[in-house]
Amino acid sequence: MKPKSRSLGSTLVVKGAFWVCALLASILVVGCRQDMHVQPRYEPEDPSTFFADGRSERPPVEGTVARGQLRTDELLYTGRVNGAVADIFPFAITATDLSRGRERYNIYCSPCHDYTGGGNGMIVQRGFPSPPSFHLERLRQAPVGHFFEVMTNGFGLMYSYASRVSAEDRWRIAAYIRALQLSQHGSAGDIPEFERPTLTGQPQ
């Protein structure tokens, strides 16, 4: 029976040592500094007594410009050249640009201006004041930068679309407005000769 007692005693010693080690390990873990994990911080829009304005968020340093947003191209971003409303585009308008302009126009402009630019869109039909037709002589003669500027800054009851439509797409819409104006006031002479038979129904 004595050997059995020795074996039982050894087991108890081993178990005791294990629990002592486990206890020491847990004390070490609990005692670890958590400074980088648990530290004072502000939640978004929390007030602060540290700053004079009472806000925890700090405004950008005056004059700070986000990378890629310096916008030095006056024509592209304002529709003007040397301060005057421009009658040129900041980039060459291709068929792809016109297609994109038509898509953006149909989404953002047609509810008021209708699909032809006549100013009788669905919102107008439901009682909203009618915008001027793009086919008025004064708008046909207006520089293309005018349309870009109106989309950018808003005009009358129309609000700005600068936050909804990129500058490039505003120019594409302006180009499509020009195409709409031409479509309502064009002549047979404006149609390429090889296209005329397909429009008149005459055999080629």
C-alpha atoms as a PDB file:
ATOM      1  CA  MET A   1       0.000   0.000   0.000  1.00  0.00           C
ATOM      2  CA  LYS A   2       2.968   2.332   0.552  1.00  0.00           C
ATOM      3  CA  PRO A   3       3.879   2.505  -3.166  1.00  0.00           C
ATOM      4  CA  LYS A   4       0.264   3.459  -3.875  1.00  0.00           C
ATOM      5  CA  SER A   5       0.471   6.285  -1.381  1.00  0.00           C
ATOM      6  CA  ARG A   6       3.629   7.554  -2.978  1.00  0.00           C
ATOM      7  CA  SER A   7       1.963   7.512  -6.426  1.00  0.00           C
ATOM      8  CA  LEU A   8      -1.060   9.384  -5.121  1.00  0.00           C
ATOM      9  CA  GLY A   9       1.173  11.921  -3.448  1.00  0.00           C
ATOM     10  CA  SER A  10       3.140  12.487  -6.666  1.00  0.00           C
ATOM     11  CA  THR A  11      -0.082  13.006  -8.598  1.00  0.00           C
ATOM     12  CA  LEU A  12      -1.280  15.561  -6.091  1.00  0.00           C
ATOM     13  CA  VAL A  13       2.034  17.398  -6.300  1.00  0.00           C
ATOM     14  CA  VAL A  14       1.888  17.522 -10.107  1.00  0.00           C
ATOM     15  CA  LYS A  15      -1.720  18.724 -10.077  1.00  0.00           C
ATOM     16  CA  GLY A  16      -0.923  21.276  -7.466  1.00  0.00           C
ATOM     17  CA  ALA A  17       2.025  22.554  -9.494  1.00  0.00           C
ATOM     18  CA  PHE A  18      -0.192  22.767 -12.585  1.00  0.00           C
ATOM     19  CA  TRP A  19      -2.818  24.870 -10.832  1.00  0.00           C
ATOM     20  CA  VAL A  20      -0.158  27.098  -9.315  1.00  0.00           C
ATOM     21  CA  CYS A  21       1.320  27.706 -12.776  1.00  0.00           C
ATOM     22  CA  ALA A  22      -2.152  28.360 -14.216  1.00  0.00           C
ATOM     23  CA  LEU A  23      -2.883  30.841 -11.429  1.00  0.00           C
ATOM     24  CA  LEU A  24       0.420  32.645 -12.009  1.00  0.00           C
ATOM     25  CA  ALA A  25      -0.218  32.776 -15.768  1.00  0.00           C
ATOM     26  CA  SER A  26      -3.690  34.249 -15.275  1.00  0.00           C
ATOM     27  CA  ILE A  27      -2.275  36.870 -12.896  1.00  0.00           C
ATOM     28  CA  LEU A  28       0.342  37.791 -15.512  1.00  0.00           C
ATOM     29  CA  VAL A  29      -2.296  38.104 -18.246  1.00  0.00           C
ATOM     30  CA  VAL A  30      -4.573  40.229 -16.102  1.00  0.00           C
ATOM     31  CA  GLY A  31      -1.651  42.342 -15.042  1.00  0.00           C
ATOM     32  CA  CYS A  32      -0.554  43.132 -18.645  1.00  0.00           C
ATOM     33  CA  ARG A  33      -0.920  46.794 -19.556  1.00  0.00           C
ATOM     34  CA  GLN A  34      -3.675  47.435 -22.085  1.00  0.00           C
ATOM     35  CA  ASP A  35      -2.740  51.053 -22.810  1.00  0.00           C
ATOM     36  CA  MET A  36      -2.880  50.615 -26.625  1.00  0.00           C
ATOM     37  CA  HIS A  37      -6.167  48.734 -26.498  1.00  0.00           C
ATOM     38  CA  VAL A  38      -8.107  50.532 -23.823  1.00  0.00           C
ATOM     39  CA  GLN A  39      -7.494  54.271 -23.956  1.00  0.00           C
ATOM     40  CA  PRO A  40      -9.520  57.481 -23.838  1.00  0.00           C
ATOM     41  CA  ARG A  41     -11.036  58.423 -27.196  1.00  0.00           C
ATOM     42  CA  TYR A  42     -13.884  60.401 -28.705  1.00  0.00           C
ATOM     43  CA  GLU A  43     -16.795  58.869 -30.556  1.00  0.00           C
ATOM     44  CA  PRO A  44     -17.876  60.712 -33.746  1.00  0.00           C
ATOM     45  CA  GLU A  45     -19.496  64.065 -32.923  1.00  0.00           C
ATOM     46  CA  ASP A  46     -18.741  63.785 -29.199  1.00  0.00           C
ATOM     47  CA  PRO A  47     -18.441  67.176 -27.485  1.00  0.00           C
ATOM     48  CA  SER A  48     -15.098  68.226 -26.056  1.00  0.00           C
ATOM     49  CA  THR A  49     -14.129  70.586 -23.246  1.00  0.00           C
ATOM     50  CA  PHE A  50     -10.531  70.670 -24.461  1.00  0.00           C
ATOM     51  CA  PHE A  51     -11.131  72.808 -27.557  1.00  0.00           C
ATOM     52  CA  ALA A  52     -12.617  76.292 -27.414  1.00  0.00           C
ATOM     53  CA  ASP A  53     -15.352  75.502 -29.976  1.00  0.00           C
ATOM     54  CA  GLY A  54     -16.554  72.519 -27.940  1.00  0.00           C
ATOM     55  CA  ARG A  55     -16.098  70.046 -30.822  1.00  0.00           C
ATOM     56  CA  SER A  56     -13.943  66.918 -30.728  1.00  0.00           C
ATOM     57  CA  GLU A  57     -13.602  66.857 -34.544  1.00  0.00           C
ATOM     58  CA  ARG A  58     -11.056  69.295 -35.858  1.00  0.00           C
ATOM     59  CA  PRO A  59     -11.622  71.167 -39.133  1.00  0.00           C
ATOM     60  CA  PRO A  60      -8.992  70.798 -41.893  1.00  0.00           C
ATOM     61  CA  VAL A  61      -6.177  73.284 -41.875  1.00  0.00           C
ATOM     62  CA  GLU A  62      -7.187  76.325 -43.947  1.00  0.00           C
ATOM     63  CA  GLY A  63      -6.119  75.941 -47.556  1.00  0.00           C
ATOM     64  CA  THR A  64      -5.893  72.139 -47.336  1.00  0.00           C
ATOM     65  CA  VAL A  65      -6.751  70.400 -50.624  1.00  0.00           C
ATOM     66  CA  ALA A  66      -7.355  66.670 -50.889  1.00  0.00           C
ATOM     67  CA  ARG A  67      -4.949  64.832 -53.155  1.00  0.00           C
ATOM     68  CA  GLY A  68      -6.216  64.937 -56.746  1.00  0.00           C
ATOM     69  CA  GLN A  69      -8.751  67.699 -56.052  1.00  0.00           C
ATOM     70  CA  LEU A  70      -6.709  70.843 -56.679  1.00  0.00           C
ATOM     71  CA  ARG A  71      -8.894  71.651 -59.726  1.00  0.00           C
ATOM     72  CA  THR A  72      -6.568  73.990 -61.545  1.00  0.00           C
ATOM     73  CA  ASP A  73      -8.454  73.540 -64.849  1.00  0.00           C
ATOM     74  CA  GLU A  74     -10.742  76.589 -64.821  1.00  0.00           C
ATOM     75  CA  LEU A  75     -12.676  75.553 -67.932  1.00  0.00           C
ATOM     76  CA  LEU A  76     -13.334  71.986 -66.780  1.00  0.00           C
ATOM     77  CA  TYR A  77     -14.517  72.879 -63.299  1.00  0.00           C
ATOM     78  CA  THR A  78     -16.159  76.296 -63.726  1.00  0.00           C
ATOM     79  CA  GLY A  79     -17.255  76.488 -67.372  1.00  0.00           C
ATOM     80  CA  ARG A  80     -15.311  79.721 -67.766  1.00  0.00           C
ATOM     81  CA  VAL A  81     -12.104  80.945 -69.397  1.00  0.00           C
ATOM     82  CA  ASN A  82     -10.426  83.944 -67.804  1.00  0.00           C
ATOM     83  CA  GLY A  83     -13.638  84.556 -65.889  1.00  0.00           C
ATOM     84  CA  ALA A  84     -15.900  84.641 -68.974  1.00  0.00           C
ATOM     85  CA  VAL A  85     -18.514  81.952 -69.728  1.00  0.00           C
ATOM     86  CA  ALA A  86     -16.902  79.629 -72.276  1.00  0.00           C
ATOM     87  CA  ASP A  87     -18.324  78.476 -75.590  1.00  0.00           C
ATOM     88  CA  ILE A  88     -15.877  75.588 -75.934  1.00  0.00           C
ATOM     89  CA  PHE A  89     -15.602  72.169 -74.336  1.00  0.00           C
ATOM     90  CA  PRO A  90     -12.669  71.201 -72.101  1.00  0.00           C
ATOM     91  CA  PHE A  91     -12.237  67.938 -74.023  1.00  0.00           C
ATOM     92  CA  ALA A  92     -13.177  66.575 -77.447  1.00  0.00           C
ATOM     93  CA  ILE A  93     -16.772  65.291 -77.491  1.00  0.00           C
ATOM     94  CA  THR A  94     -17.050  61.841 -79.059  1.00  0.00           C
ATOM     95  CA  ALA A  95     -20.070  59.668 -79.862  1.00  0.00           C
ATOM     96  CA  THR A  96     -19.363  57.828 -76.598  1.00  0.00           C
ATOM     97  CA  ASP A  97     -19.490  61.119 -74.691  1.00  0.00           C
ATOM     98  CA  LEU A  98     -22.807  62.027 -76.333  1.00  0.00           C
ATOM     99  CA  SER A  99     -24.226  58.623 -75.449  1.00  0.00           C
ATOM    100  CA  ARG A 100     -23.148  59.096 -71.851  1.00  0.00           C
ATOM    101  CA  GLY A 101     -24.577  62.626 -71.875  1.00  0.00           C
ATOM    102  CA  ARG A 102     -27.899  61.336 -73.137  1.00  0.00           C
ATOM    103  CA  GLU A 103     -28.004  58.700 -70.389  1.00  0.00           C
ATOM    104  CA  ARG A 104     -27.235  61.264 -67.643  1.00  0.00           C
ATOM    105  CA  TYR A 105     -29.688  63.769 -69.167  1.00  0.00           C
ATOM    106  CA  ASN A 106     -32.491  61.215 -69.201  1.00  0.00           C
ATOM    107  CA  ILE A 107     -31.831  60.394 -65.545  1.00  0.00           C
ATOM    108  CA  TYR A 108     -31.311  63.845 -64.063  1.00  0.00           C
ATOM    109  CA  CYS A 109     -32.807  66.375 -66.492  1.00  0.00           C
ATOM    110  CA  SER A 110     -35.751  64.826 -68.305  1.00  0.00           C
ATOM    111  CA  PRO A 111     -38.105  64.780 -65.262  1.00  0.00           C
ATOM    112  CA  CYS A 112     -38.359  68.580 -65.661  1.00  0.00           C
ATOM    113  CA  HIS A 113     -37.011  69.348 -69.137  1.00  0.00           C
ATOM    114  CA  ASP A 114     -38.584  66.278 -70.835  1.00  0.00           C
ATOM    115  CA  TYR A 115     -36.740  64.063 -73.312  1.00  0.00           C
ATOM    116  CA  THR A 116     -36.682  66.694 -76.063  1.00  0.00           C
ATOM    117  CA  GLY A 117     -35.671  69.677 -73.927  1.00  0.00           C
ATOM    118  CA  GLY A 118     -39.045  71.385 -74.334  1.00  0.00           C
ATOM    119  CA  GLY A 119     -39.590  71.884 -70.593  1.00  0.00           C
ATOM    120  CA  ASN A 120     -42.661  69.674 -70.184  1.00  0.00           C
ATOM    121  CA  GLY A 121     -41.336  66.770 -68.144  1.00  0.00           C
ATOM    122  CA  MET A 122     -43.392  64.522 -65.907  1.00  0.00           C
ATOM    123  CA  ILE A 123     -42.816  66.693 -62.815  1.00  0.00           C
ATOM    124  CA  VAL A 124     -44.077  69.723 -64.754  1.00  0.00           C
ATOM    125  CA  GLN A 125     -47.132  67.762 -65.857  1.00  0.00           C
ATOM    126  CA  ARG A 126     -47.840  67.159 -62.175  1.00  0.00           C
ATOM    127  CA  GLY A 127     -47.799  70.836 -61.289  1.00  0.00           C
ATOM    128  CA  PHE A 128     -44.158  71.874 -60.889  1.00  0.00           C
ATOM    129  CA  PRO A 129     -43.274  75.191 -62.609  1.00  0.00           C
ATOM    130  CA  SER A 130     -42.068  74.676 -66.159  1.00  0.00           C
ATOM    131  CA  PRO A 131     -38.401  75.398 -66.906  1.00  0.00           C
ATOM    132  CA  PRO A 132     -37.590  77.341 -70.081  1.00  0.00           C
ATOM    133  CA  SER A 133     -37.367  75.343 -73.271  1.00  0.00           C
ATOM    134  CA  PHE A 134     -33.841  74.716 -74.526  1.00  0.00           C
ATOM    135  CA  HIS A 135     -35.182  75.675 -77.952  1.00  0.00           C
ATOM    136  CA  LEU A 136     -35.732  79.312 -77.105  1.00  0.00           C
ATOM    137  CA  GLU A 137     -33.512  81.529 -79.220  1.00  0.00           C
ATOM    138  CA  ARG A 138     -31.675  82.953 -76.211  1.00  0.00           C
ATOM    139  CA  LEU A 139     -30.733  79.469 -75.020  1.00  0.00           C
ATOM    140  CA  ARG A 140     -29.806  78.305 -78.489  1.00  0.00           C
ATOM    141  CA  GLN A 141     -27.417  81.248 -78.632  1.00  0.00           C
ATOM    142  CA  ALA A 142     -26.150  80.809 -75.061  1.00  0.00           C
ATOM    143  CA  PRO A 143     -22.547  79.578 -74.735  1.00  0.00           C
ATOM    144  CA  VAL A 144     -22.243  75.933 -73.792  1.00  0.00           C
ATOM    145  CA  GLY A 145     -20.545  76.952 -70.563  1.00  0.00           C
ATOM    146  CA  HIS A 146     -23.872  78.463 -69.476  1.00  0.00           C
ATOM    147  CA  PHE A 147     -25.498  75.026 -69.243  1.00  0.00           C
ATOM    148  CA  PHE A 148     -22.515  73.652 -67.358  1.00  0.00           C
ATOM    149  CA  GLU A 149     -22.644  76.599 -64.954  1.00  0.00           C
ATOM    150  CA  VAL A 150     -26.378  76.170 -64.288  1.00  0.00           C
ATOM    151  CA  MET A 151     -25.918  72.464 -63.576  1.00  0.00           C
ATOM    152  CA  THR A 152     -23.011  73.279 -61.285  1.00  0.00           C
ATOM    153  CA  ASN A 153     -24.456  76.180 -59.304  1.00  0.00           C
ATOM    154  CA  GLY A 154     -28.203  75.843 -59.794  1.00  0.00           C
ATOM    155  CA  PHE A 155     -30.485  78.557 -61.153  1.00  0.00           C
ATOM    156  CA  GLY A 156     -33.915  79.726 -60.017  1.00  0.00           C
ATOM    157  CA  LEU A 157     -35.858  76.712 -58.759  1.00  0.00           C
ATOM    158  CA  MET A 158     -33.207  74.322 -60.044  1.00  0.00           C
ATOM    159  CA  TYR A 159     -30.694  73.242 -57.422  1.00  0.00           C
ATOM    160  CA  SER A 160     -27.045  72.372 -57.991  1.00  0.00           C
ATOM    161  CA  TYR A 161     -26.174  68.971 -59.414  1.00  0.00           C
ATOM    162  CA  ALA A 162     -22.462  69.316 -58.641  1.00  0.00           C
ATOM    163  CA  SER A 163     -22.649  66.726 -55.864  1.00  0.00           C
ATOM    164  CA  ARG A 164     -24.658  64.292 -57.994  1.00  0.00           C
ATOM    165  CA  VAL A 165     -23.052  64.565 -61.424  1.00  0.00           C
ATOM    166  CA  SER A 166     -19.302  64.739 -62.062  1.00  0.00           C
ATOM    167  CA  ALA A 167     -17.841  67.753 -63.893  1.00  0.00           C
ATOM    168  CA  GLU A 168     -17.045  65.601 -66.927  1.00  0.00           C
ATOM    169  CA  ASP A 169     -20.612  64.277 -67.082  1.00  0.00           C
ATOM    170  CA  ARG A 170     -22.016  67.810 -66.755  1.00  0.00           C
ATOM    171  CA  TRP A 171     -20.081  68.706 -69.905  1.00  0.00           C
ATOM    172  CA  ARG A 172     -21.412  65.601 -71.642  1.00  0.00           C
ATOM    173  CA  ILE A 173     -24.964  66.609 -70.706  1.00  0.00           C
ATOM    174  CA  ALA A 174     -24.287  70.104 -72.072  1.00  0.00           C
ATOM    175  CA  ALA A 175     -23.116  68.508 -75.322  1.00  0.00           C
ATOM    176  CA  TYR A 176     -26.287  66.434 -75.478  1.00  0.00           C
ATOM    177  CA  ILE A 177     -28.397  69.569 -74.924  1.00  0.00           C
ATOM    178  CA  ARG A 178     -26.637  71.060 -77.940  1.00  0.00           C
ATOM    179  CA  ALA A 179     -27.566  67.911 -79.890  1.00  0.00           C
ATOM    180  CA  LEU A 180     -31.209  68.284 -78.799  1.00  0.00           C
ATOM    181  CA  GLN A 181     -31.201  71.903 -79.948  1.00  0.00           C
ATOM    182  CA  LEU A 182     -29.788  70.895 -83.295  1.00  0.00           C
ATOM    183  CA  SER A 183     -32.334  68.083 -83.658  1.00  0.00           C
ATOM    184  CA  GLN A 184     -35.217  70.560 -83.391  1.00  0.00           C
ATOM    185  CA  HIS A 185     -33.720  73.206 -85.648  1.00  0.00           C
ATOM    186  CA  GLY A 186     -31.656  71.266 -88.139  1.00  0.00           C
ATOM    187  CA  SER A 187     -32.137  71.120 -91.876  1.00  0.00           C
ATOM    188  CA  ALA A 188     -31.644  68.470 -94.522  1.00  0.00           C
ATOM    189  CA  GLY A 189     -28.311  70.103 -95.282  1.00  0.00           C
ATOM    190  CA  ASP A 190     -27.061  69.132 -91.832  1.00  0.00           C
ATOM    191  CA  ILE A 191     -27.536  65.428 -92.614  1.00  0.00           C
ATOM    192  CA  PRO A 192     -24.578  63.666 -94.282  1.00  0.00           C
ATOM    193  CA  GLU A 193     -25.497  62.841 -97.859  1.00  0.00           C
ATOM    194  CA  PHE A 194     -25.037  59.092 -97.409  1.00  0.00           C
ATOM    195  CA  GLU A 195     -27.534  59.146 -94.487  1.00  0.00           C
ATOM    196  CA  ARG A 196     -30.310  61.049 -96.226  1.00  0.00           C
ATOM    197  CA  PRO A 197     -31.905  58.113 -98.099  1.00  0.00           C
ATOM    198  CA  THR A 198     -32.335  56.184 -94.838  1.00  0.00           C
ATOM    199  CA  LEU A 199     -34.257  59.113 -93.343  1.00  0.00           C
ATOM    200  CA  THR A 200     -36.396  59.984 -96.352  1.00  0.00           C
ATOM    201  CA  GLY A 201     -37.207  56.433 -97.296  1.00  0.00           C
ATOM    202  CA  GLN A 202     -35.810  56.879-100.787  1.00  0.00           C
ATOM    203  CA  PRO A 203     -33.889  53.957-102.325  1.00  0.00           C
ATOM    204  CA  GLN A 204     -30.120  54.241-102.181  1.00  0.00           C
END
